[in-house]
Amino acid sequence: MNKRIFKFIVLAVSVFLISCGGSKNKEDKKSNEIMETSSLPGIYPIVEDEITLKVFVPADPFINDLSTNELTKEYEKKTNVRIEWEEVPNISIQEKINLMFSANGDMPDILLKTQLSNPQITNYGSNLGLLRDLTPYIEKYGPNIQKLLDYDPEIRKAVTALDGKIYTIPALEEAYHVRAPQKLWVDKKMLADAGVDIPQTTEEFYELLKIMKNDLGIPTPLTGAITGWSTNVIDFFMCSFIYSDQDKRWIVEDGEVSVPFDKSEWREGLKYLNKLYSEGLLDEGAFIQDQAQLRQLAMSGRVGAVTAGSTGAFAPLDRRTDYTTIPPLEGPEGVRLTAHWPRDLVTGVFSVPTVSKYPDVAVRWIDYFLSEEGSLRSRHGLEGRDWRRGEPGEVAITGGEGGYTSLMELNKNQNVHWWKSVPQFFHSELRNSRIDQSAGTGKMDIEKMLYEETKKYDKYLKEEVIKDVYMDLDAAGEFTELDYLIPNYVDEMAAKFILGHTDVYSDSEWEGYINNLKRMGIDKYVRLMDEAYKNQYVN
């Protein structure tokens, strides 16, 4: 489901809950006392007498069956905690959550990988009391969770609601290549055939595309997609005119929040992309095709350059090192930026509904997976068989000492681990200690390739970027509706301007676009985010 459509649904359900069930649920919260049964950290089993926890989780296409999974059986035996899995198709996950909370009926003991949004957490936790405050249980039963929250003060800020409580536990992955997600990839052979150096400016890239089209006969010099990791073609190029992050189109300068898409620089970026399209250099499919269609097109060998976070977004496994990145391009006014994700912190990965009788057991149960051992076991399988630690002399992708390597093929059906279904703590030192399989062997190593390519982007990263924020319920309601309407309108109009359906060179057309943004409430949209950001991170 489109994340903005989802946010609009969240708003509607929140209003329904407030009007129909708020006060009753708050009363229920006061009377919902529990008797703790968990053993202290480090002591197994977690409970003396076997209990069953119901766990709600999105179905993972790479896990055959969680109920018979090797890790499930192993951890049940170790903890004395049986798991009754409720696996839900990803496409239905938010609809199911909304219905579950609105009815407040048969709730699970644990919600996993649901990625509850901050407005949902504010409503279901702070307002309605349907989510358990995990703070006291983390202090008593979650030493590894504490380590994650203490790793950086901003992690604790990101998961602490406005009422000072923690309702969800996040996952952290500091893979080096994720820090610069908006990349531009070019086929190495086509670049060599073009006989030019890697472009450094928007004008040089334009010249390369013309050579691909006119001299090499490449039918699709440049493309992207509307789904997939950073496959949106707009934002990479927009960063040559004004900062734009595909995931969160917000600009932060000296603590002040604004948006890029109402600025004259945004218009200049649209003009550049319109020029590429009008000369047959930019594929129209970039604005309508999904990731699967992009992969099919790229496999045909008829594509020169692609916007994506990784070659894995579009290339088959045996061709993923056939591409190299073009670094951020300098625009006509000297702007040369790239989107910056300081870390991949995923909030809302683990939560406990208030009706659960075992919040202490649930926190103790999940805490293991945020240890190094638990993160590696749940992600990669059994040590010594499915992954192994580094040996003397082995080198990490960063050039340091090799820490570990997977012995299993990733992104393939298996039934020995849970992949990313639980929160894990892959801090920089651990995540980037993966052994370089290409060192001294000549073998392909995708992780090493991504590490080296990302280094090209480092000096163009914007340091001050937006972070996740909490808003009070009234502000969240207003913001959520605007965050559905405005970004969708911006995307729609960007495509129309680029494809020539609306004339980007017409001052009246541009003024009409700006006036529509004002009528839709862009001033309030920016003010709500600015106030929330300052309240949480500046004041």
Protein backbone atom coordinates (compact mmCIF):
# COMPACT_ATOMS: atom_id res chain seq x y z
CA MET A 1 0.00 0.00 0.00
CA ASN A 2 1.21 3.50 -0.82
CA LYS A 3 2.49 4.99 2.42
CA ARG A 4 0.54 8.20 1.91
CA ILE A 5 -2.74 6.35 1.31
CA PHE A 6 -2.00 4.39 4.45
CA LYS A 7 -1.53 7.57 6.46
CA PHE A 8 -4.92 8.82 5.24
CA ILE A 9 -6.54 5.60 6.45
CA VAL A 10 -4.79 6.03 9.80
CA LEU A 11 -6.38 9.47 10.15
CA ALA A 12 -9.88 8.18 9.43
CA VAL A 13 -9.54 5.28 11.87
CA SER A 14 -8.09 7.55 14.56
CA VAL A 15 -11.10 9.85 14.36
CA PHE A 16 -13.42 6.85 14.62
CA LEU A 17 -11.60 5.53 17.68
CA ILE A 18 -11.59 8.87 19.46
CA SER A 19 -15.31 9.34 18.99
CA CYS A 20 -16.34 5.77 19.79
CA GLY A 21 -14.02 4.25 22.32
CA GLY A 22 -11.50 6.59 23.88
CA SER A 23 -12.72 6.96 27.45
CA LYS A 24 -13.66 3.31 27.90
CA ASN A 25 -10.22 2.14 26.79
CA LYS A 26 -8.53 4.52 29.21
CA GLU A 27 -10.57 3.05 32.05
CA ASP A 28 -9.66 -0.47 30.95
CA LYS A 29 -5.98 0.52 30.98
CA LYS A 30 -6.11 1.48 34.64
CA SER A 31 -7.55 -1.88 35.65
CA ASN A 32 -5.27 -3.99 33.47
CA GLU A 33 -2.77 -5.09 36.10
CA ILE A 34 -0.39 -8.00 35.46
CA MET A 35 1.70 -10.40 37.50
CA GLU A 36 5.24 -10.66 36.15
CA THR A 37 6.43 -14.20 35.45
CA SER A 38 9.63 -13.69 33.44
CA SER A 39 13.04 -14.71 34.69
CA LEU A 40 15.73 -12.03 34.83
CA PRO A 41 18.03 -11.37 31.84
CA GLY A 42 20.52 -14.15 31.13
CA ILE A 43 18.46 -16.86 32.85
CA TYR A 44 16.69 -19.53 30.77
CA PRO A 45 14.05 -20.68 30.36
CA ILE A 46 12.22 -17.35 30.46
CA VAL A 47 9.26 -18.95 32.25
CA GLU A 48 9.10 -22.10 34.34
CA ASP A 49 5.73 -23.25 33.03
CA GLU A 50 5.21 -23.14 29.28
CA ILE A 51 3.05 -20.32 27.97
CA THR A 52 1.88 -19.34 24.50
CA LEU A 53 2.26 -15.88 22.98
CA LYS A 54 0.22 -14.83 19.97
CA VAL A 55 2.43 -12.94 17.52
CA PHE A 56 1.07 -10.86 14.66
CA VAL A 57 3.59 -10.48 11.80
CA PRO A 58 3.64 -9.68 8.07
CA ALA A 59 4.28 -12.77 5.95
CA ASP A 60 7.82 -12.88 4.55
CA PRO A 61 8.09 -14.43 1.06
CA PHE A 62 11.57 -15.78 1.87
CA ILE A 63 10.44 -17.74 4.97
CA ASN A 64 8.72 -21.03 4.20
CA ASP A 65 6.75 -21.49 7.44
CA LEU A 66 7.35 -19.68 10.72
CA SER A 67 5.54 -22.34 12.74
CA THR A 68 8.00 -25.05 11.62
CA ASN A 69 10.98 -22.72 11.23
CA GLU A 70 14.22 -24.02 12.76
CA LEU A 71 14.75 -20.87 14.83
CA THR A 72 11.16 -20.99 16.10
CA LYS A 73 11.60 -24.54 17.40
CA GLU A 74 15.04 -23.78 18.84
CA TYR A 75 13.90 -20.63 20.67
CA GLU A 76 10.68 -22.22 21.96
CA LYS A 77 12.75 -24.98 23.56
CA LYS A 78 15.21 -22.50 25.04
CA THR A 79 12.60 -20.11 26.47
CA ASN A 80 9.58 -22.31 27.27
CA VAL A 81 7.55 -19.77 25.28
CA ARG A 82 5.45 -21.26 22.47
CA ILE A 83 4.58 -18.95 19.59
CA GLU A 84 1.24 -18.92 17.83
CA TRP A 85 1.99 -17.02 14.62
CA GLU A 86 -0.59 -14.94 12.81
CA GLU A 87 0.98 -14.23 9.43
CA VAL A 88 -0.76 -11.57 7.36
CA PRO A 89 -0.07 -10.64 3.71
CA ASN A 90 1.85 -7.35 3.50
CA ILE A 91 -0.81 -5.78 1.33
CA SER A 92 -3.40 -6.29 4.10
CA ILE A 93 -1.27 -5.45 7.14
CA GLN A 94 -2.43 -1.89 7.85
CA GLU A 95 -6.08 -2.65 7.16
CA LYS A 96 -5.87 -5.57 9.61
CA ILE A 97 -4.16 -3.44 12.28
CA ASN A 98 -6.72 -0.66 11.98
CA LEU A 99 -9.65 -3.07 12.25
CA MET A 100 -8.02 -4.90 15.15
CA PHE A 101 -7.51 -1.72 17.17
CA SER A 102 -10.89 -0.22 16.30
CA ALA A 103 -12.69 -3.36 17.51
CA ASN A 104 -10.28 -3.87 20.44
CA GLY A 105 -11.22 -7.51 20.21
CA ASP A 106 -8.98 -10.56 19.80
CA MET A 107 -5.60 -8.89 20.13
CA PRO A 108 -2.21 -10.63 19.92
CA ASP A 109 0.44 -10.47 22.64
CA ILE A 110 3.03 -9.02 20.25
CA LEU A 111 2.95 -6.93 17.09
CA LEU A 112 6.06 -7.54 14.95
CA LYS A 113 7.35 -5.53 12.00
CA THR A 114 4.12 -3.58 11.64
CA GLN A 115 6.06 -0.29 11.56
CA LEU A 116 3.34 1.64 13.34
CA SER A 117 3.51 5.29 12.34
CA ASN A 118 3.99 8.02 14.93
CA PRO A 119 0.36 9.17 14.56
CA GLN A 120 -0.77 5.58 15.20
CA ILE A 121 1.49 5.31 18.25
CA THR A 122 0.18 8.63 19.61
CA ASN A 123 -3.40 7.49 19.14
CA TYR A 124 -3.22 3.82 20.13
CA GLY A 125 -0.68 4.39 22.91
CA SER A 126 -0.89 7.88 24.44
CA ASN A 127 -4.55 8.58 23.70
CA LEU A 128 -6.41 5.28 23.88
CA GLY A 129 -4.10 3.18 26.02
CA LEU A 130 -4.26 0.20 23.65
CA LEU A 131 -0.46 -0.15 23.56
CA ARG A 132 1.59 -0.99 26.64
CA ASP A 133 4.24 1.45 27.89
CA LEU A 134 7.36 -0.70 27.61
CA THR A 135 9.64 1.61 29.63
CA PRO A 136 9.56 -0.29 32.98
CA TYR A 137 9.97 -3.66 31.26
CA ILE A 138 12.90 -2.46 29.18
CA GLU A 139 14.62 -1.26 32.37
CA LYS A 140 14.13 -4.63 34.09
CA TYR A 141 14.20 -7.18 31.27
CA GLY A 142 15.81 -5.49 28.25
CA PRO A 143 19.57 -4.90 28.62
CA ASN A 144 20.15 -5.23 24.88
CA ILE A 145 17.26 -2.87 24.12
CA GLN A 146 18.85 -0.43 26.57
CA LYS A 147 22.12 -0.64 24.65
CA LEU A 148 20.31 0.24 21.45
CA LEU A 149 18.51 3.20 23.04
CA ASP A 150 21.76 4.42 24.60
CA TYR A 151 23.76 3.99 21.38
CA ASP A 152 22.77 7.48 20.29
CA PRO A 153 20.58 9.96 22.23
CA GLU A 154 18.52 10.58 19.10
CA ILE A 155 17.39 6.94 18.97
CA ARG A 156 15.71 7.27 22.35
CA LYS A 157 14.19 10.59 21.22
CA ALA A 158 12.84 8.95 18.07
CA VAL A 159 10.92 6.27 20.00
CA THR A 160 9.75 8.34 22.98
CA ALA A 161 6.21 9.64 22.57
CA LEU A 162 5.18 13.12 23.73
CA ASP A 163 3.89 11.66 27.01
CA GLY A 164 7.43 10.45 27.78
CA LYS A 165 6.62 6.76 27.27
CA ILE A 166 8.10 4.16 24.92
CA TYR A 167 5.45 2.11 23.14
CA THR A 168 7.58 0.47 20.44
CA ILE A 169 11.06 -0.95 19.99
CA PRO A 170 12.97 -0.08 16.80
CA ALA A 171 15.44 -1.89 14.58
CA LEU A 172 18.77 -0.33 13.62
CA GLU A 173 20.93 -1.15 10.63
CA GLU A 174 23.94 1.01 9.86
CA ALA A 175 24.94 -0.44 6.53
CA TYR A 176 27.38 2.03 5.01
CA HIS A 177 25.75 2.04 1.58
CA VAL A 178 22.35 3.03 2.99
CA ARG A 179 23.67 6.45 4.06
CA ALA A 180 23.43 7.65 0.43
CA PRO A 181 20.38 5.88 -0.99
CA GLN A 182 19.77 8.00 -4.11
CA LYS A 183 22.31 6.67 -6.60
CA LEU A 184 22.65 6.78 -10.37
CA TRP A 185 24.02 3.63 -12.02
CA VAL A 186 25.45 3.34 -15.52
CA ASP A 187 26.35 0.24 -17.50
CA LYS A 188 30.17 0.04 -17.50
CA LYS A 189 30.37 -1.34 -21.05
CA MET A 190 28.09 1.34 -22.45
CA LEU A 191 30.11 4.02 -20.66
CA ALA A 192 33.31 2.61 -22.18
CA ASP A 193 31.71 2.41 -25.63
CA ALA A 194 30.66 6.05 -25.31
CA GLY A 195 34.34 6.95 -24.86
CA VAL A 196 33.75 9.60 -22.19
CA ASP A 197 34.73 9.99 -18.56
CA ILE A 198 32.17 9.62 -15.78
CA PRO A 199 30.03 12.79 -15.91
CA GLN A 200 30.45 15.32 -13.12
CA THR A 201 27.82 17.89 -14.15
CA THR A 202 24.24 17.82 -15.41
CA GLU A 203 25.44 19.07 -18.79
CA GLU A 204 28.06 16.30 -19.10
CA PHE A 205 25.44 13.69 -18.22
CA TYR A 206 23.12 15.14 -20.86
CA GLU A 207 25.92 14.75 -23.44
CA LEU A 208 26.48 11.12 -22.36
CA LEU A 209 22.80 10.30 -22.82
CA LYS A 210 22.84 11.81 -26.31
CA ILE A 211 25.81 9.60 -27.25
CA MET A 212 24.00 6.53 -25.91
CA LYS A 213 20.87 7.38 -27.87
CA ASN A 214 22.30 8.69 -31.12
CA ASP A 215 25.65 6.90 -31.52
CA LEU A 216 25.21 3.63 -29.61
CA GLY A 217 21.54 3.11 -30.44
CA ILE A 218 20.48 2.56 -26.83
CA PRO A 219 16.66 2.89 -26.90
CA THR A 220 16.39 3.71 -23.17
CA PRO A 221 19.33 5.86 -22.07
CA LEU A 222 17.80 6.67 -18.65
CA THR A 223 14.98 5.13 -16.63
CA GLY A 224 13.68 4.43 -13.11
CA ALA A 225 10.47 3.22 -11.48
CA ILE A 226 7.70 4.31 -9.14
CA THR A 227 8.34 1.44 -6.70
CA GLY A 228 11.63 0.08 -5.37
CA TRP A 229 14.44 1.42 -3.25
CA SER A 230 15.25 4.95 -4.45
CA THR A 231 14.23 4.15 -8.03
CA ASN A 232 12.33 7.46 -8.33
CA VAL A 233 14.14 9.30 -11.12
CA ILE A 234 13.19 12.81 -9.95
CA ASP A 235 15.02 13.24 -6.67
CA PHE A 236 18.54 12.22 -7.70
CA PHE A 237 18.57 14.92 -10.38
CA MET A 238 16.70 17.45 -8.25
CA CYS A 239 19.67 17.44 -5.86
CA SER A 240 21.64 19.24 -8.58
CA PHE A 241 19.25 22.16 -8.10
CA ILE A 242 17.89 21.89 -4.53
CA TYR A 243 18.03 19.24 -1.79
CA SER A 244 15.35 16.58 -2.19
CA ASP A 245 15.05 13.25 -0.40
CA GLN A 246 12.64 10.85 -2.10
CA ASP A 247 11.53 9.39 1.23
CA LYS A 248 11.03 12.69 3.10
CA ARG A 249 10.95 15.81 0.98
CA TRP A 250 11.89 18.18 3.78
CA ILE A 251 14.74 20.66 4.01
CA VAL A 252 16.29 21.60 7.37
CA GLU A 253 18.56 24.64 7.53
CA ASP A 254 19.71 25.94 10.92
CA GLY A 255 16.78 24.23 12.61
CA GLU A 256 14.19 25.73 10.21
CA VAL A 257 12.04 23.29 8.22
CA SER A 258 10.81 23.93 4.67
CA VAL A 259 10.00 22.00 1.48
CA PRO A 260 11.81 22.06 -1.88
CA PHE A 261 8.85 21.70 -4.22
CA ASP A 262 7.51 25.25 -3.96
CA LYS A 263 10.85 26.83 -4.83
CA SER A 264 12.13 28.20 -8.16
CA GLU A 265 15.04 25.73 -7.97
CA TRP A 266 12.53 22.85 -8.10
CA ARG A 267 11.13 24.33 -11.30
CA GLU A 268 14.63 24.49 -12.81
CA GLY A 269 15.13 20.81 -11.98
CA LEU A 270 11.84 19.98 -13.69
CA LYS A 271 12.96 21.93 -16.76
CA TYR A 272 16.15 19.85 -16.96
CA LEU A 273 14.24 16.57 -16.73
CA ASN A 274 11.71 17.84 -19.27
CA LYS A 275 14.60 18.51 -21.68
CA LEU A 276 15.85 14.93 -21.23
CA TYR A 277 12.37 13.53 -21.86
CA SER A 278 11.57 15.75 -24.84
CA GLU A 279 14.77 14.58 -26.59
CA GLY A 280 14.01 10.91 -25.98
CA LEU A 281 16.73 10.48 -23.36
CA LEU A 282 14.48 9.86 -20.33
CA ASP A 283 12.06 6.94 -20.45
CA GLU A 284 8.38 7.74 -19.89
CA GLY A 285 8.15 4.35 -18.17
CA ALA A 286 10.11 5.78 -15.22
CA PHE A 287 6.84 7.46 -14.14
CA ILE A 288 4.50 4.48 -14.52
CA GLN A 289 6.43 1.19 -14.25
CA ASP A 290 6.96 -0.76 -11.05
CA GLN A 291 10.17 -2.41 -9.88
CA ALA A 292 9.36 -5.74 -11.57
CA GLN A 293 8.88 -3.99 -14.91
CA LEU A 294 12.11 -2.05 -14.39
CA ARG A 295 13.99 -5.32 -13.82
CA GLN A 296 12.52 -6.83 -16.95
CA LEU A 297 13.52 -3.78 -18.98
CA ALA A 298 17.05 -3.69 -17.54
CA MET A 299 17.55 -7.40 -18.26
CA SER A 300 16.92 -6.73 -21.95
CA GLY A 301 20.25 -4.90 -22.20
CA ARG A 302 18.56 -1.83 -23.69
CA VAL A 303 19.07 0.51 -20.73
CA GLY A 304 22.04 2.82 -20.20
CA ALA A 305 21.50 4.37 -16.74
CA VAL A 306 19.12 3.70 -13.85
CA THR A 307 18.33 5.52 -10.60
CA ALA A 308 18.27 3.10 -7.63
CA GLY A 309 19.71 2.58 -4.16
CA SER A 310 21.44 -0.60 -5.28
CA THR A 311 21.87 -2.62 -8.46
CA GLY A 312 19.79 -5.26 -6.68
CA ALA A 313 16.76 -3.07 -7.41
CA PHE A 314 16.98 -3.72 -11.15
CA ALA A 315 19.77 -6.14 -12.15
CA PRO A 316 19.89 -9.95 -11.93
CA LEU A 317 22.45 -11.37 -9.50
CA ASP A 318 25.05 -12.19 -12.14
CA ARG A 319 24.98 -8.60 -13.54
CA ARG A 320 24.97 -6.54 -10.36
CA THR A 321 28.64 -5.62 -10.62
CA ASP A 322 28.34 -4.68 -14.31
CA TYR A 323 27.37 -1.16 -13.27
CA THR A 324 29.19 1.74 -11.68
CA THR A 325 27.77 4.85 -10.06
CA ILE A 326 27.77 8.35 -11.41
CA PRO A 327 28.31 10.63 -8.39
CA PRO A 328 25.96 13.53 -7.59
CA LEU A 329 26.00 15.91 -10.52
CA GLU A 330 26.83 19.59 -10.21
CA GLY A 331 23.97 21.73 -11.47
CA PRO A 332 24.18 25.00 -13.42
CA GLU A 333 24.25 27.05 -10.18
CA GLY A 334 26.89 24.87 -8.51
CA VAL A 335 24.48 22.83 -6.36
CA ARG A 336 25.78 19.29 -5.79
CA LEU A 337 24.00 17.36 -3.02
CA THR A 338 22.70 13.89 -2.27
CA ALA A 339 20.04 12.54 0.08
CA HIS A 340 21.43 11.54 3.46
CA TRP A 341 20.10 8.78 5.71
CA PRO A 342 22.49 8.89 8.72
CA ARG A 343 21.19 5.47 9.76
CA ASP A 344 18.41 3.07 8.88
CA LEU A 345 16.35 3.31 12.08
CA VAL A 346 13.00 1.58 11.61
CA THR A 347 10.53 2.50 14.33
CA GLY A 348 7.39 0.63 15.34
CA VAL A 349 8.91 -2.83 14.77
CA PHE A 350 7.85 -4.37 18.12
CA SER A 351 4.93 -3.43 20.38
CA VAL A 352 2.73 -5.06 23.00
CA PRO A 353 -1.04 -4.45 23.18
CA THR A 354 -2.23 -3.56 26.66
CA VAL A 355 -4.52 -6.59 26.81
CA SER A 356 -1.53 -8.95 26.80
CA LYS A 357 -0.99 -10.67 30.15
CA TYR A 358 2.71 -11.16 29.49
CA PRO A 359 4.43 -7.83 28.65
CA ASP A 360 7.43 -8.77 30.81
CA VAL A 361 7.84 -12.09 28.98
CA ALA A 362 7.39 -10.38 25.60
CA VAL A 363 10.15 -7.83 26.29
CA ARG A 364 12.49 -10.49 27.68
CA TRP A 365 11.70 -12.68 24.63
CA ILE A 366 12.50 -9.96 22.07
CA ASP A 367 15.55 -8.59 23.90
CA TYR A 368 17.73 -11.52 22.79
CA PHE A 369 17.41 -10.53 19.12
CA LEU A 370 19.00 -7.15 19.80
CA SER A 371 22.18 -8.80 21.09
CA GLU A 372 24.94 -9.50 18.58
CA GLU A 373 24.34 -13.24 18.86
CA GLY A 374 20.59 -12.84 18.46
CA SER A 375 20.84 -10.41 15.56
CA LEU A 376 23.15 -12.75 13.65
CA ARG A 377 21.13 -15.87 14.51
CA SER A 378 17.81 -14.34 13.47
CA ARG A 379 19.21 -12.76 10.28
CA HIS A 380 21.68 -15.38 9.01
CA GLY A 381 20.94 -18.72 10.69
CA LEU A 382 23.08 -21.14 12.68
CA GLU A 383 26.71 -20.19 13.32
CA GLY A 384 29.19 -22.54 11.68
CA ARG A 385 26.66 -23.87 9.20
CA ASP A 386 24.79 -20.87 7.75
CA TRP A 387 27.30 -18.15 8.64
CA ARG A 388 30.71 -18.02 10.25
CA ARG A 389 32.94 -15.55 12.04
CA GLY A 390 36.07 -14.14 10.45
CA GLU A 391 39.40 -15.92 10.53
CA PRO A 392 42.85 -14.34 11.00
CA GLY A 393 43.87 -12.41 7.92
CA GLU A 394 40.38 -12.04 6.51
CA VAL A 395 39.42 -8.47 5.59
CA ALA A 396 36.11 -6.66 6.01
CA ILE A 397 34.47 -4.69 3.20
CA THR A 398 35.77 -1.54 4.95
CA GLY A 399 39.37 -2.82 4.90
CA GLY A 400 39.40 -3.60 8.62
CA GLU A 401 39.30 -6.96 10.34
CA GLY A 402 36.69 -9.35 8.90
CA GLY A 403 33.91 -10.06 11.37
CA TYR A 404 31.48 -12.49 9.75
CA THR A 405 30.14 -13.77 6.46
CA SER A 406 26.96 -15.53 5.38
CA LEU A 407 27.29 -19.05 3.98
CA MET A 408 23.71 -19.04 2.69
CA GLU A 409 22.41 -17.31 -0.40
CA LEU A 410 20.39 -14.33 0.75
CA ASN A 411 16.93 -13.39 -0.54
CA LYS A 412 16.11 -17.04 -1.16
CA ASN A 413 13.41 -19.24 0.38
CA GLN A 414 14.59 -20.90 3.58
CA ASN A 415 13.25 -22.14 6.92
CA VAL A 416 16.21 -21.75 9.29
CA HIS A 417 16.00 -18.09 10.38
CA TRP A 418 13.53 -15.16 10.54
CA TRP A 419 15.42 -12.76 8.22
CA LYS A 420 14.23 -9.27 9.26
CA SER A 421 10.99 -10.16 11.01
CA VAL A 422 12.28 -9.08 14.44
CA PRO A 423 14.11 -5.93 15.56
CA GLN A 424 17.89 -6.36 15.27
CA PHE A 425 20.85 -4.19 16.23
CA PHE A 426 23.35 -4.08 13.38
CA HIS A 427 25.41 -1.09 14.47
CA SER A 428 28.12 0.23 12.16
CA GLU A 429 30.97 -1.80 13.67
CA LEU A 430 29.05 -5.06 13.27
CA ARG A 431 27.21 -4.46 10.00
CA ASN A 432 30.26 -3.19 8.13
CA SER A 433 32.55 -5.97 9.39
CA ARG A 434 31.18 -8.36 6.76
CA ILE A 435 34.07 -10.20 5.14
CA ASP A 436 35.11 -9.04 1.68
CA GLN A 437 34.65 -12.13 -0.47
CA SER A 438 36.47 -10.52 -3.38
CA ALA A 439 39.74 -9.99 -1.50
CA GLY A 440 42.40 -12.09 -3.21
CA THR A 441 39.79 -14.22 -5.00
CA GLY A 442 38.36 -12.10 -7.78
CA LYS A 443 34.87 -13.24 -6.74
CA MET A 444 31.91 -10.91 -6.97
CA ASP A 445 31.03 -9.26 -3.64
CA ILE A 446 27.97 -7.04 -3.81
CA GLU A 447 28.51 -5.59 -0.32
CA LYS A 448 32.07 -4.56 -1.16
CA MET A 449 30.93 -3.03 -4.44
CA LEU A 450 28.19 -1.01 -2.68
CA TYR A 451 30.65 0.16 -0.03
CA GLU A 452 33.12 1.44 -2.63
CA GLU A 453 30.46 3.09 -4.76
CA THR A 454 28.92 4.87 -1.77
CA LYS A 455 32.27 6.46 -0.92
CA LYS A 456 31.86 8.56 -4.07
CA TYR A 457 28.82 10.20 -2.47
CA ASP A 458 30.18 10.97 0.99
CA LYS A 459 31.35 14.53 0.44
CA TYR A 460 27.98 15.54 -1.03
CA LEU A 461 25.85 14.36 1.92
CA LYS A 462 23.74 17.05 3.54
CA GLU A 463 24.48 16.96 7.27
CA GLU A 464 21.30 18.55 8.65
CA VAL A 465 18.31 16.39 7.66
CA ILE A 466 14.80 15.76 8.94
CA LYS A 467 14.15 13.14 11.62
CA ASP A 468 11.04 11.28 12.77
CA VAL A 469 8.82 13.45 14.96
CA TYR A 470 5.84 13.03 17.28
CA MET A 471 2.85 15.38 17.21
CA ASP A 472 -0.07 15.67 19.58
CA LEU A 473 -3.26 14.04 18.36
CA ASP A 474 -4.90 17.18 16.94
CA ALA A 475 -1.77 18.22 15.04
CA ALA A 476 -1.18 14.64 13.86
CA GLY A 477 -4.71 14.48 12.47
CA GLU A 478 -4.28 17.68 10.48
CA PHE A 479 -0.79 16.76 9.33
CA THR A 480 -1.69 13.24 8.24
CA GLU A 481 -4.40 14.46 5.89
CA LEU A 482 -2.07 17.08 4.39
CA ASP A 483 0.74 14.52 4.14
CA TYR A 484 -1.54 12.45 1.93
CA LEU A 485 -2.86 15.26 -0.27
CA ILE A 486 0.20 17.45 -0.85
CA PRO A 487 2.95 14.90 -1.69
CA ASN A 488 0.62 13.06 -4.05
CA TYR A 489 -0.23 16.31 -5.81
CA VAL A 490 3.49 17.19 -6.05
CA ASP A 491 4.30 13.79 -7.59
CA GLU A 492 1.43 14.10 -10.03
CA MET A 493 2.43 17.59 -11.14
CA ALA A 494 6.14 16.75 -11.35
CA ALA A 495 5.32 13.98 -13.84
CA LYS A 496 3.04 16.31 -15.82
CA PHE A 497 5.69 19.02 -16.00
CA ILE A 498 8.44 16.58 -17.01
CA LEU A 499 6.35 14.76 -19.62
CA GLY A 500 5.05 18.01 -21.09
CA HIS A 501 1.41 17.50 -20.16
CA THR A 502 1.71 20.81 -18.29
CA ASP A 503 4.12 23.46 -19.62
CA VAL A 504 6.91 23.95 -17.07
CA TYR A 505 8.10 27.02 -19.02
CA SER A 506 4.71 28.75 -18.66
CA ASP A 507 4.68 31.22 -15.77
CA SER A 508 0.89 30.98 -15.51
CA GLU A 509 1.02 27.17 -15.27
CA TRP A 510 3.70 27.38 -12.58
CA GLU A 511 1.75 30.02 -10.64
CA GLY A 512 -1.34 27.82 -10.87
CA TYR A 513 0.63 24.94 -9.33
CA ILE A 514 1.90 27.16 -6.49
CA ASN A 515 -1.58 28.57 -5.85
CA ASN A 516 -3.01 25.06 -5.66
CA LEU A 517 -0.40 24.13 -3.05
CA LYS A 518 -1.44 27.17 -1.01
CA ARG A 519 -5.12 26.27 -1.27
CA MET A 520 -4.32 22.72 -0.16
CA GLY A 521 -2.64 24.09 2.99
CA ILE A 522 1.09 23.97 2.34
CA ASP A 523 1.73 26.76 4.87
CA LYS A 524 0.04 24.77 7.63
CA TYR A 525 1.78 21.57 6.43
CA VAL A 526 5.21 23.17 6.82
CA ARG A 527 4.31 24.92 10.10
CA LEU A 528 3.14 21.68 11.75
CA MET A 529 6.35 19.85 10.82
CA ASP A 530 8.53 22.83 11.77
CA GLU A 531 6.90 23.12 15.22
CA ALA A 532 7.13 19.36 15.87
CA TYR A 533 10.77 19.20 14.78
CA LYS A 534 11.78 22.13 16.95
CA ASN A 535 9.85 20.78 19.92
CA GLN A 536 11.60 17.42 19.72
CA TYR A 537 15.11 18.28 18.52
CA VAL A 538 15.81 22.03 18.81
CA ASN A 539 14.06 23.53 21.84
